[in-house]
């Protein structure tokens, strides 16, 4: 199978808080991240549908990585794993 990724993935475990008006806040954690997006594992919640735009804050043990939420889009969903893509800033 041909590799189609534009960005190199890096394994990481970063706490993720995703928000959307229709479902509130979902907590998860990255399994990997790249310049194009992140793979996020969530627990015991219904995953947002593919195409949903969410606001995401990445957090470390002490403090946040990004002080303002970043816009991301759900690109794929499988069981408790979401593929999120960074959206361009407007």
PDB file of N, CA and C in Angstrom:
ATOM      1  N   UNK A   1       0.832  -1.183   0.000  1.00  0.00           N
ATOM      2  CA  UNK A   1       0.000   0.000   0.000  1.00  0.00           C
ATOM      3  C   UNK A   1       0.877   1.247   0.000  1.00  0.00           C
ATOM      4  N   UNK A   2       0.503   2.190  -0.794  1.00  0.00           N
ATOM      5  CA  UNK A   2       1.273   3.430  -0.916  1.00  0.00           C
ATOM      6  C   UNK A   2       1.050   4.346   0.287  1.00  0.00           C
ATOM      7  N   UNK A   3       2.122   4.891   0.808  1.00  0.00           N
ATOM      8  CA  UNK A   3       2.049   5.839   1.929  1.00  0.00           C
ATOM      9  C   UNK A   3       1.570   7.188   1.401  1.00  0.00           C
ATOM     10  N   UNK A   4       0.451   7.696   1.955  1.00  0.00           N
ATOM     11  CA  UNK A   4      -0.123   8.953   1.474  1.00  0.00           C
ATOM     12  C   UNK A   4       0.026  10.097   2.470  1.00  0.00           C
ATOM     13  N   UNK A   5       0.635   9.847   3.614  1.00  0.00           N
ATOM     14  CA  UNK A   5       0.755  10.898   4.618  1.00  0.00           C
ATOM     15  C   UNK A   5       1.730  11.975   4.166  1.00  0.00           C
ATOM     16  N   UNK A   6       1.348  13.222   4.416  1.00  0.00           N
ATOM     17  CA  UNK A   6       2.203  14.358   4.068  1.00  0.00           C
ATOM     18  C   UNK A   6       3.173  14.680   5.204  1.00  0.00           C
ATOM     19  N   UNK A   7       2.781  14.332   6.426  1.00  0.00           N
ATOM     20  CA  UNK A   7       3.553  14.733   7.601  1.00  0.00           C
ATOM     21  C   UNK A   7       3.998  13.514   8.399  1.00  0.00           C
ATOM     22  N   UNK A   8       5.186  13.591   8.938  1.00  0.00           N
ATOM     23  CA  UNK A   8       5.712  12.510   9.772  1.00  0.00           C
ATOM     24  C   UNK A   8       4.988  12.503  11.115  1.00  0.00           C
ATOM     25  N   UNK A   9       4.568  11.330  11.542  1.00  0.00           N
ATOM     26  CA  UNK A   9       3.911  11.187  12.841  1.00  0.00           C
ATOM     27  C   UNK A   9       4.945  10.962  13.927  1.00  0.00           C
ATOM     28  N   UNK A  10       4.647  11.506  15.102  1.00  0.00           N
ATOM     29  CA  UNK A  10       5.506  11.298  16.265  1.00  0.00           C
ATOM     30  C   UNK A  10       4.645  10.729  17.391  1.00  0.00           C
ATOM     31  N   UNK A  11       5.095   9.633  17.987  1.00  0.00           N
ATOM     32  CA  UNK A  11       4.369   9.050  19.115  1.00  0.00           C
ATOM     33  C   UNK A  11       4.370  10.052  20.261  1.00  0.00           C
ATOM     34  N   UNK A  12       3.221  10.213  20.881  1.00  0.00           N
ATOM     35  CA  UNK A  12       3.130  11.136  22.013  1.00  0.00           C
ATOM     36  C   UNK A  12       1.883  10.821  22.813  1.00  0.00           C
ATOM     37  N   UNK A  13       1.905  11.191  24.056  1.00  0.00           N
ATOM     38  CA  UNK A  13       0.730  11.042  24.909  1.00  0.00           C
ATOM     39  C   UNK A  13       0.469  12.391  25.557  1.00  0.00           C
ATOM     40  N   UNK A  14      -0.449  13.119  24.964  1.00  0.00           N
ATOM     41  CA  UNK A  14      -0.801  14.460  25.441  1.00  0.00           C
ATOM     42  C   UNK A  14      -2.299  14.464  25.724  1.00  0.00           C
ATOM     43  N   UNK A  15      -2.701  15.016  26.851  1.00  0.00           N
ATOM     44  CA  UNK A  15      -4.122  15.123  27.186  1.00  0.00           C
ATOM     45  C   UNK A  15      -4.791  16.073  26.196  1.00  0.00           C
ATOM     46  N   UNK A  16      -5.981  15.688  25.745  1.00  0.00           N
ATOM     47  CA  UNK A  16      -6.728  16.457  24.754  1.00  0.00           C
ATOM     48  C   UNK A  16      -8.121  16.748  25.303  1.00  0.00           C
ATOM     49  N   UNK A  17      -8.564  17.988  25.184  1.00  0.00           N
ATOM     50  CA  UNK A  17      -9.943  18.357  25.509  1.00  0.00           C
ATOM     51  C   UNK A  17     -10.583  18.897  24.245  1.00  0.00           C
ATOM     52  N   UNK A  18     -11.589  18.167  23.737  1.00  0.00           N
ATOM     53  CA  UNK A  18     -12.317  18.572  22.530  1.00  0.00           C
ATOM     54  C   UNK A  18     -13.668  19.126  22.943  1.00  0.00           C
ATOM     55  N   UNK A  19     -14.065  20.246  22.342  1.00  0.00           N
ATOM     56  CA  UNK A  19     -15.368  20.826  22.656  1.00  0.00           C
ATOM     57  C   UNK A  19     -16.152  21.125  21.396  1.00  0.00           C
ATOM     58  N   UNK A  20     -17.477  20.964  21.531  1.00  0.00           N
ATOM     59  CA  UNK A  20     -18.409  21.287  20.455  1.00  0.00           C
ATOM     60  C   UNK A  20     -19.752  21.566  21.121  1.00  0.00           C
ATOM     61  N   UNK A  21     -20.519  22.552  20.628  1.00  0.00           N
ATOM     62  CA  UNK A  21     -21.800  22.882  21.262  1.00  0.00           C
ATOM     63  C   UNK A  21     -22.783  21.714  21.343  1.00  0.00           C
ATOM     64  N   UNK A  22     -22.727  20.780  20.400  1.00  0.00           N
ATOM     65  CA  UNK A  22     -23.704  19.689  20.399  1.00  0.00           C
ATOM     66  C   UNK A  22     -23.410  18.585  21.410  1.00  0.00           C
ATOM     67  N   UNK A  23     -22.149  18.433  21.850  1.00  0.00           N
ATOM     68  CA  UNK A  23     -21.851  17.359  22.799  1.00  0.00           C
ATOM     69  C   UNK A  23     -21.062  17.817  24.010  1.00  0.00           C
ATOM     70  N   UNK A  24     -20.684  19.068  24.096  1.00  0.00           N
ATOM     71  CA  UNK A  24     -19.917  19.545  25.245  1.00  0.00           C
ATOM     72  C   UNK A  24     -18.452  19.202  25.113  1.00  0.00           C
ATOM     73  N   UNK A  25     -17.874  18.644  26.183  1.00  0.00           N
ATOM     74  CA  UNK A  25     -16.433  18.371  26.216  1.00  0.00           C
ATOM     75  C   UNK A  25     -16.169  16.867  26.236  1.00  0.00           C
ATOM     76  N   UNK A  26     -15.211  16.438  25.439  1.00  0.00           N
ATOM     77  CA  UNK A  26     -14.730  15.054  25.441  1.00  0.00           C
ATOM     78  C   UNK A  26     -13.242  15.098  25.771  1.00  0.00           C
ATOM     79  N   UNK A  27     -12.842  14.232  26.704  1.00  0.00           N
ATOM     80  CA  UNK A  27     -11.446  14.146  27.122  1.00  0.00           C
ATOM     81  C   UNK A  27     -10.817  12.922  26.465  1.00  0.00           C
ATOM     82  N   UNK A  28      -9.597  13.080  26.014  1.00  0.00           N
ATOM     83  CA  UNK A  28      -8.878  11.966  25.419  1.00  0.00           C
ATOM     84  C   UNK A  28      -7.393  12.175  25.542  1.00  0.00           C
ATOM     85  N   UNK A  29      -6.642  11.370  24.789  1.00  0.00           N
ATOM     86  CA  UNK A  29      -5.197  11.541  24.782  1.00  0.00           C
ATOM     87  C   UNK A  29      -4.644  11.098  23.442  1.00  0.00           C
ATOM     88  N   UNK A  30      -3.624  11.818  22.991  1.00  0.00           N
ATOM     89  CA  UNK A  30      -3.032  11.496  21.696  1.00  0.00           C
ATOM     90  C   UNK A  30      -2.234  10.194  21.789  1.00  0.00           C
ATOM     91  N   UNK A  31      -2.224   9.471  20.669  1.00  0.00           N
ATOM     92  CA  UNK A  31      -1.303   8.339  20.547  1.00  0.00           C
ATOM     93  C   UNK A  31      -0.168   8.732  19.624  1.00  0.00           C
ATOM     94  N   UNK A  32      -0.479   9.632  18.684  1.00  0.00           N
ATOM     95  CA  UNK A  32       0.557  10.241  17.858  1.00  0.00           C
ATOM     96  C   UNK A  32       0.068  11.585  17.358  1.00  0.00           C
ATOM     97  N   UNK A  33       1.029  12.404  16.915  1.00  0.00           N
ATOM     98  CA  UNK A  33       0.700  13.750  16.454  1.00  0.00           C
ATOM     99  C   UNK A  33       1.665  14.118  15.326  1.00  0.00           C
ATOM    100  N   UNK A  34       1.186  14.958  14.419  1.00  0.00           N
ATOM    101  CA  UNK A  34       2.029  15.440  13.316  1.00  0.00           C
ATOM    102  C   UNK A  34       1.662  16.890  13.051  1.00  0.00           C
ATOM    103  N   UNK A  35       2.330  17.491  12.081  1.00  0.00           N
ATOM    104  CA  UNK A  35       1.995  18.861  11.709  1.00  0.00           C
ATOM    105  C   UNK A  35       0.607  18.950  11.082  1.00  0.00           C
ATOM    106  N   UNK A  36       0.061  17.829  10.642  1.00  0.00           N
ATOM    107  CA  UNK A  36      -1.247  17.825   9.989  1.00  0.00           C
ATOM    108  C   UNK A  36      -2.405  17.451  10.888  1.00  0.00           C
ATOM    109  N   UNK A  37      -2.127  16.790  12.020  1.00  0.00           N
ATOM    110  CA  UNK A  37      -3.220  16.370  12.879  1.00  0.00           C
ATOM    111  C   UNK A  37      -2.760  15.469  13.995  1.00  0.00           C
ATOM    112  N   UNK A  38      -3.731  14.737  14.565  1.00  0.00           N
ATOM    113  CA  UNK A  38      -3.424  13.864  15.696  1.00  0.00           C
ATOM    114  C   UNK A  38      -4.377  12.683  15.707  1.00  0.00           C
ATOM    115  N   UNK A  39      -3.880  11.579  16.235  1.00  0.00           N
ATOM    116  CA  UNK A  39      -4.742  10.436  16.510  1.00  0.00           C
ATOM    117  C   UNK A  39      -5.029  10.480  17.998  1.00  0.00           C
ATOM    118  N   UNK A  40      -6.317  10.429  18.359  1.00  0.00           N
ATOM    119  CA  UNK A  40      -6.732  10.616  19.743  1.00  0.00           C
ATOM    120  C   UNK A  40      -7.577   9.426  20.196  1.00  0.00           C
ATOM    121  N   UNK A  41      -7.260   8.918  21.375  1.00  0.00           N
ATOM    122  CA  UNK A  41      -8.054   7.853  21.986  1.00  0.00           C
ATOM    123  C   UNK A  41      -8.984   8.487  23.007  1.00  0.00           C
ATOM    124  N   UNK A  42     -10.265   8.111  22.934  1.00  0.00           N
ATOM    125  CA  UNK A  42     -11.255   8.596  23.902  1.00  0.00           C
ATOM    126  C   UNK A  42     -11.848   7.391  24.621  1.00  0.00           C
ATOM    127  N   UNK A  43     -12.480   7.633  25.755  1.00  0.00           N
ATOM    128  CA  UNK A  43     -13.047   6.534  26.535  1.00  0.00           C
ATOM    129  C   UNK A  43     -14.533   6.728  26.778  1.00  0.00           C
ATOM    130  N   UNK A  44     -15.278   5.653  26.625  1.00  0.00           N
ATOM    131  CA  UNK A  44     -16.664   5.539  27.083  1.00  0.00           C
ATOM    132  C   UNK A  44     -17.591   6.673  26.686  1.00  0.00           C
ATOM    133  N   UNK A  45     -17.410   7.232  25.521  1.00  0.00           N
ATOM    134  CA  UNK A  45     -18.329   8.245  25.029  1.00  0.00           C
ATOM    135  C   UNK A  45     -18.618   7.963  23.556  1.00  0.00           C
ATOM    136  N   UNK A  46     -19.708   8.502  23.084  1.00  0.00           N
ATOM    137  CA  UNK A  46     -20.015   8.387  21.668  1.00  0.00           C
ATOM    138  C   UNK A  46     -19.137   9.381  20.916  1.00  0.00           C
ATOM    139  N   UNK A  47     -18.423   8.889  19.940  1.00  0.00           N
ATOM    140  CA  UNK A  47     -17.503   9.739  19.176  1.00  0.00           C
ATOM    141  C   UNK A  47     -18.287  10.672  18.268  1.00  0.00           C
ATOM    142  N   UNK A  48     -17.805  11.898  18.096  1.00  0.00           N
ATOM    143  CA  UNK A  48     -18.455  12.805  17.156  1.00  0.00           C
ATOM    144  C   UNK A  48     -18.346  12.251  15.734  1.00  0.00           C
ATOM    145  N   UNK A  49     -19.343  12.526  14.902  1.00  0.00           N
ATOM    146  CA  UNK A  49     -19.310  11.998  13.535  1.00  0.00           C
ATOM    147  C   UNK A  49     -18.180  12.590  12.698  1.00  0.00           C
ATOM    148  N   UNK A  50     -17.757  11.810  11.700  1.00  0.00           N
ATOM    149  CA  UNK A  50     -16.757  12.283  10.748  1.00  0.00           C
ATOM    150  C   UNK A  50     -17.269  13.579  10.128  1.00  0.00           C
ATOM    151  N   UNK A  51     -16.379  14.558   9.990  1.00  0.00           N
ATOM    152  CA  UNK A  51     -16.742  15.856   9.435  1.00  0.00           C
ATOM    153  C   UNK A  51     -17.025  16.923  10.480  1.00  0.00           C
ATOM    154  N   UNK A  52     -17.193  16.508  11.746  1.00  0.00           N
ATOM    155  CA  UNK A  52     -17.454  17.459  12.828  1.00  0.00           C
ATOM    156  C   UNK A  52     -16.219  18.303  13.088  1.00  0.00           C
ATOM    157  N   UNK A  53     -16.416  19.611  13.200  1.00  0.00           N
ATOM    158  CA  UNK A  53     -15.317  20.508  13.576  1.00  0.00           C
ATOM    159  C   UNK A  53     -15.372  20.722  15.077  1.00  0.00           C
ATOM    160  N   UNK A  54     -14.238  20.538  15.729  1.00  0.00           N
ATOM    161  CA  UNK A  54     -14.147  20.653  17.179  1.00  0.00           C
ATOM    162  C   UNK A  54     -13.060  21.653  17.550  1.00  0.00           C
ATOM    163  N   UNK A  55     -13.192  22.221  18.734  1.00  0.00           N
ATOM    164  CA  UNK A  55     -12.161  23.099  19.290  1.00  0.00           C
ATOM    165  C   UNK A  55     -11.352  22.274  20.272  1.00  0.00           C
ATOM    166  N   UNK A  56     -10.033  22.282  20.116  1.00  0.00           N
ATOM    167  CA  UNK A  56      -9.176  21.377  20.877  1.00  0.00           C
ATOM    168  C   UNK A  56      -8.117  22.154  21.659  1.00  0.00           C
ATOM    169  N   UNK A  57      -7.953  21.746  22.919  1.00  0.00           N
ATOM    170  CA  UNK A  57      -6.869  22.255  23.759  1.00  0.00           C
ATOM    171  C   UNK A  57      -6.003  21.059  24.127  1.00  0.00           C
ATOM    172  N   UNK A  58      -4.699  21.191  23.904  1.00  0.00           N
ATOM    173  CA  UNK A  58      -3.731  20.168  24.279  1.00  0.00           C
ATOM    174  C   UNK A  58      -3.134  20.580  25.613  1.00  0.00           C
ATOM    175  N   UNK A  59      -3.089  19.637  26.578  1.00  0.00           N
ATOM    176  CA  UNK A  59      -2.580  19.959  27.910  1.00  0.00           C
ATOM    177  C   UNK A  59      -1.440  19.027  28.294  1.00  0.00           C
ATOM    178  N   UNK A  60      -0.491  19.592  29.036  1.00  0.00           N
ATOM    179  CA  UNK A  60       0.576  18.773  29.600  1.00  0.00           C
ATOM    180  C   UNK A  60       0.306  18.616  31.092  1.00  0.00           C
ATOM    181  N   UNK A  61       1.191  17.967  31.802  1.00  0.00           N
ATOM    182  CA  UNK A  61       0.967  17.712  33.226  1.00  0.00           C
ATOM    183  C   UNK A  61       0.687  18.998  34.002  1.00  0.00           C
ATOM    184  N   UNK A  62       1.418  20.042  33.699  1.00  0.00           N
ATOM    185  CA  UNK A  62       1.204  21.326  34.362  1.00  0.00           C
ATOM    186  C   UNK A  62       0.992  22.368  33.282  1.00  0.00           C
ATOM    187  N   UNK A  63      -0.227  22.823  33.123  1.00  0.00           N
ATOM    188  CA  UNK A  63      -0.521  23.875  32.167  1.00  0.00           C
ATOM    189  C   UNK A  63      -0.915  23.361  30.793  1.00  0.00           C
ATOM    190  N   UNK A  64      -1.214  24.317  29.937  1.00  0.00           N
ATOM    191  CA  UNK A  64      -1.663  24.006  28.589  1.00  0.00           C
ATOM    192  C   UNK A  64      -0.527  24.160  27.594  1.00  0.00           C
ATOM    193  N   UNK A  65      -0.631  23.445  26.490  1.00  0.00           N
ATOM    194  CA  UNK A  65       0.318  23.602  25.398  1.00  0.00           C
ATOM    195  C   UNK A  65      -0.130  24.761  24.520  1.00  0.00           C
ATOM    196  N   UNK A  66      -1.435  24.831  24.254  1.00  0.00           N
ATOM    197  CA  UNK A  66      -1.980  25.960  23.494  1.00  0.00           C
ATOM    198  C   UNK A  66      -2.974  26.692  24.383  1.00  0.00           C
ATOM    199  N   UNK A  67      -2.835  28.015  24.489  1.00  0.00           N
ATOM    200  CA  UNK A  67      -3.703  28.781  25.378  1.00  0.00           C
ATOM    201  C   UNK A  67      -5.078  29.040  24.767  1.00  0.00           C
ATOM    202  N   UNK A  68      -5.174  29.048  23.442  1.00  0.00           N
ATOM    203  CA  UNK A  68      -6.463  29.198  22.767  1.00  0.00           C
ATOM    204  C   UNK A  68      -6.765  27.897  22.040  1.00  0.00           C
ATOM    205  N   UNK A  69      -8.029  27.463  22.062  1.00  0.00           N
ATOM    206  CA  UNK A  69      -8.369  26.229  21.347  1.00  0.00           C
ATOM    207  C   UNK A  69      -8.033  26.345  19.860  1.00  0.00           C
ATOM    208  N   UNK A  70      -7.616  25.220  19.280  1.00  0.00           N
ATOM    209  CA  UNK A  70      -7.353  25.161  17.850  1.00  0.00           C
ATOM    210  C   UNK A  70      -8.500  24.409  17.180  1.00  0.00           C
ATOM    211  N   UNK A  71      -8.832  24.839  15.971  1.00  0.00           N
ATOM    212  CA  UNK A  71      -9.896  24.189  15.213  1.00  0.00           C
ATOM    213  C   UNK A  71      -9.350  22.932  14.563  1.00  0.00           C
ATOM    214  N   UNK A  72     -10.089  21.823  14.738  1.00  0.00           N
ATOM    215  CA  UNK A  72      -9.713  20.561  14.116  1.00  0.00           C
ATOM    216  C   UNK A  72     -10.976  19.901  13.574  1.00  0.00           C
ATOM    217  N   UNK A  73     -10.791  18.974  12.657  1.00  0.00           N
ATOM    218  CA  UNK A  73     -11.917  18.287  12.028  1.00  0.00           C
ATOM    219  C   UNK A  73     -11.738  16.783  12.198  1.00  0.00           C
ATOM    220  N   UNK A  74     -12.836  16.091  12.551  1.00  0.00           N
ATOM    221  CA  UNK A  74     -12.806  14.637  12.676  1.00  0.00           C
ATOM    222  C   UNK A  74     -12.750  14.053  11.265  1.00  0.00           C
ATOM    223  N   UNK A  75     -11.652  13.367  10.956  1.00  0.00           N
ATOM    224  CA  UNK A  75     -11.449  12.800   9.620  1.00  0.00           C
ATOM    225  C   UNK A  75     -11.809  11.320   9.556  1.00  0.00           C
ATOM    226  N   UNK A  76     -11.612  10.611  10.669  1.00  0.00           N
ATOM    227  CA  UNK A  76     -12.041   9.217  10.740  1.00  0.00           C
ATOM    228  C   UNK A  76     -12.298   8.842  12.187  1.00  0.00           C
ATOM    229  N   UNK A  77     -13.106   7.814  12.357  1.00  0.00           N
ATOM    230  CA  UNK A  77     -13.482   7.371  13.684  1.00  0.00           C
ATOM    231  C   UNK A  77     -13.582   5.845  13.667  1.00  0.00           C
ATOM    232  N   UNK A  78     -12.969   5.197  14.643  1.00  0.00           N
ATOM    233  CA  UNK A  78     -12.999   3.751  14.744  1.00  0.00           C
ATOM    234  C   UNK A  78     -12.996   3.370  16.215  1.00  0.00           C
ATOM    235  N   UNK A  79     -14.086   2.806  16.688  1.00  0.00           N
ATOM    236  CA  UNK A  79     -14.253   2.441  18.097  1.00  0.00           C
ATOM    237  C   UNK A  79     -13.962   3.648  18.977  1.00  0.00           C
ATOM    238  N   UNK A  80     -12.859   3.625  19.701  1.00  0.00           N
ATOM    239  CA  UNK A  80     -12.522   4.726  20.613  1.00  0.00           C
ATOM    240  C   UNK A  80     -11.349   5.551  20.104  1.00  0.00           C
ATOM    241  N   UNK A  81     -11.126   5.558  18.793  1.00  0.00           N
ATOM    242  CA  UNK A  81     -10.006   6.302  18.218  1.00  0.00           C
ATOM    243  C   UNK A  81     -10.512   7.273  17.161  1.00  0.00           C
ATOM    244  N   UNK A  82     -10.050   8.515  17.259  1.00  0.00           N
ATOM    245  CA  UNK A  82     -10.416   9.550  16.295  1.00  0.00           C
ATOM    246  C   UNK A  82      -9.169  10.035  15.570  1.00  0.00           C
ATOM    247  N   UNK A  83      -9.312  10.306  14.307  1.00  0.00           N
ATOM    248  CA  UNK A  83      -8.270  10.973  13.543  1.00  0.00           C
ATOM    249  C   UNK A  83      -8.685  12.411  13.352  1.00  0.00           C
ATOM    250  N   UNK A  84      -7.922  13.346  13.893  1.00  0.00           N
ATOM    251  CA  UNK A  84      -8.241  14.770  13.814  1.00  0.00           C
ATOM    252  C   UNK A  84      -7.240  15.487  12.915  1.00  0.00           C
ATOM    253  N   UNK A  85      -7.749  16.399  12.088  1.00  0.00           N
ATOM    254  CA  UNK A  85      -6.898  17.194  11.206  1.00  0.00           C
ATOM    255  C   UNK A  85      -6.962  18.652  11.645  1.00  0.00           C
ATOM    256  N   UNK A  86      -5.792  19.293  11.735  1.00  0.00           N
ATOM    257  CA  UNK A  86      -5.752  20.724  12.024  1.00  0.00           C
ATOM    258  C   UNK A  86      -6.403  21.479  10.868  1.00  0.00           C
ATOM    259  N   UNK A  87      -7.233  22.465  11.195  1.00  0.00           N
ATOM    260  CA  UNK A  87      -7.841  23.319  10.169  1.00  0.00           C
ATOM    261  C   UNK A  87      -7.045  24.608  10.067  1.00  0.00           C
ATOM    262  N   UNK A  88      -7.001  25.201   8.881  1.00  0.00           N
ATOM    263  CA  UNK A  88      -6.271  26.462   8.717  1.00  0.00           C
ATOM    264  C   UNK A  88      -6.897  27.547   9.592  1.00  0.00           C
ATOM    265  N   UNK A  89      -6.068  28.412  10.087  1.00  0.00           N
ATOM    266  CA  UNK A  89      -6.563  29.556  10.885  1.00  0.00           C
ATOM    267  C   UNK A  89      -7.240  30.534   9.954  1.00  0.00           C
ATOM    268  N   UNK A  90      -8.327  31.110  10.451  1.00  0.00           N
ATOM    269  CA  UNK A  90      -9.045  32.111   9.632  1.00  0.00           C
ATOM    270  C   UNK A  90      -8.944  33.478  10.242  1.00  0.00           C
TER     271      UNK A  90
END
